[in-house]
Amino acid sequence: MDNEVQFLEPKLQRFVHLYLTGQYNQTQIAQILEVHKNTINQWLKREDVNVAIKEYQSMEHELVDTQIKAMRMKAIQKMNLF
């Protein structure tokens, strides 16, 4: 899987990262990036932005899944010691 965000212009890359943190609403992101809030809505309609967002979400899901499996294995190993 290519890292789609690398093909976006720098401001769009920053938007994707800010958006995915979940810490900011669209108005706050617009203020941080110094764009109109309508620009944020337009960006969210772009296919390349949505592909980048979905790619990051997929990578995050895989990472969390791997960490959960590792924690589960560690817990099972501890339980086997008793």
Protein backbone atom coordinates (compact mmCIF):
# COMPACT_ATOMS: atom_id res chain seq x y z
CA MET A 1 0.00 0.00 0.00
CA ASP A 2 1.45 3.38 -0.99
CA ASN A 3 1.48 6.19 1.53
CA GLU A 4 -1.13 8.31 -0.22
CA VAL A 5 -0.68 11.29 2.08
CA GLN A 6 2.80 11.88 0.67
CA PHE A 7 1.21 12.85 -2.64
CA LEU A 8 -0.86 15.62 -1.05
CA GLU A 9 0.35 19.20 -0.80
CA PRO A 10 1.81 20.08 2.63
CA LYS A 11 -1.27 21.92 3.91
CA LEU A 12 -3.48 18.96 3.00
CA GLN A 13 -1.04 16.59 4.71
CA ARG A 14 -1.27 18.67 7.87
CA PHE A 15 -5.05 18.71 7.56
CA VAL A 16 -5.18 14.90 7.39
CA HIS A 17 -3.01 14.59 10.49
CA LEU A 18 -5.01 17.15 12.46
CA TYR A 19 -8.31 15.63 11.35
CA LEU A 20 -7.28 12.14 12.39
CA THR A 21 -6.23 13.18 15.89
CA GLY A 22 -9.87 13.73 16.71
CA GLN A 23 -8.82 16.60 18.96
CA TYR A 24 -10.11 19.39 16.74
CA ASN A 25 -13.39 20.19 15.06
CA GLN A 26 -13.48 21.45 11.49
CA THR A 27 -13.65 25.11 12.54
CA GLN A 28 -10.58 24.72 14.75
CA ILE A 29 -8.66 22.98 11.98
CA ALA A 30 -9.57 25.80 9.60
CA GLN A 31 -8.22 28.33 12.11
CA ILE A 32 -5.01 26.37 12.64
CA LEU A 33 -4.42 26.05 8.90
CA GLU A 34 -5.60 29.60 8.22
CA VAL A 35 -8.22 28.59 5.69
CA HIS A 36 -11.97 29.15 5.53
CA LYS A 37 -14.07 26.44 7.15
CA ASN A 38 -15.71 25.80 3.76
CA THR A 39 -12.27 24.79 2.49
CA ILE A 40 -12.22 22.01 5.08
CA ASN A 41 -15.56 20.72 3.76
CA GLN A 42 -14.23 20.85 0.21
CA TRP A 43 -11.11 18.93 1.23
CA LEU A 44 -13.21 16.25 2.90
CA LYS A 45 -15.01 15.71 -0.42
CA ARG A 46 -11.76 15.11 -2.32
CA GLU A 47 -11.10 11.51 -3.21
CA ASP A 48 -7.33 11.78 -2.67
CA VAL A 49 -7.87 13.14 0.84
CA ASN A 50 -10.36 10.39 1.64
CA VAL A 51 -7.98 7.74 0.36
CA ALA A 52 -5.22 9.13 2.59
CA ILE A 53 -7.57 9.23 5.60
CA LYS A 54 -8.72 5.66 5.02
CA GLU A 55 -5.13 4.50 4.58
CA TYR A 56 -4.09 6.02 7.90
CA GLN A 57 -7.14 4.56 9.63
CA SER A 58 -6.30 1.13 8.22
CA MET A 59 -2.68 1.38 9.35
CA GLU A 60 -3.82 2.49 12.81
CA HIS A 61 -6.25 -0.43 13.00
CA GLU A 62 -3.50 -2.90 12.10
CA LEU A 63 -1.16 -1.39 14.70
CA VAL A 64 -3.77 -1.51 17.46
CA ASP A 65 -4.74 -5.07 16.49
CA THR A 66 -1.10 -6.17 16.70
CA GLN A 67 -0.67 -4.51 20.09
CA ILE A 68 -3.82 -6.14 21.45
CA LYS A 69 -2.67 -9.55 20.26
CA ALA A 70 0.71 -9.02 21.93
CA MET A 71 -0.96 -8.00 25.19
CA ARG A 72 -3.23 -11.03 25.02
CA MET A 73 -0.26 -13.36 24.54
CA LYS A 74 1.56 -11.74 27.46
CA ALA A 75 -1.52 -12.19 29.66
CA ILE A 76 -1.85 -15.85 28.65
CA GLN A 77 1.82 -16.46 29.44
CA LYS A 78 1.38 -14.89 32.89
CA MET A 79 -1.72 -16.98 33.54
CA ASN A 80 0.19 -20.15 32.61
CA LEU A 81 2.76 -19.37 35.32
CA PHE A 82 0.11 -19.80 38.03
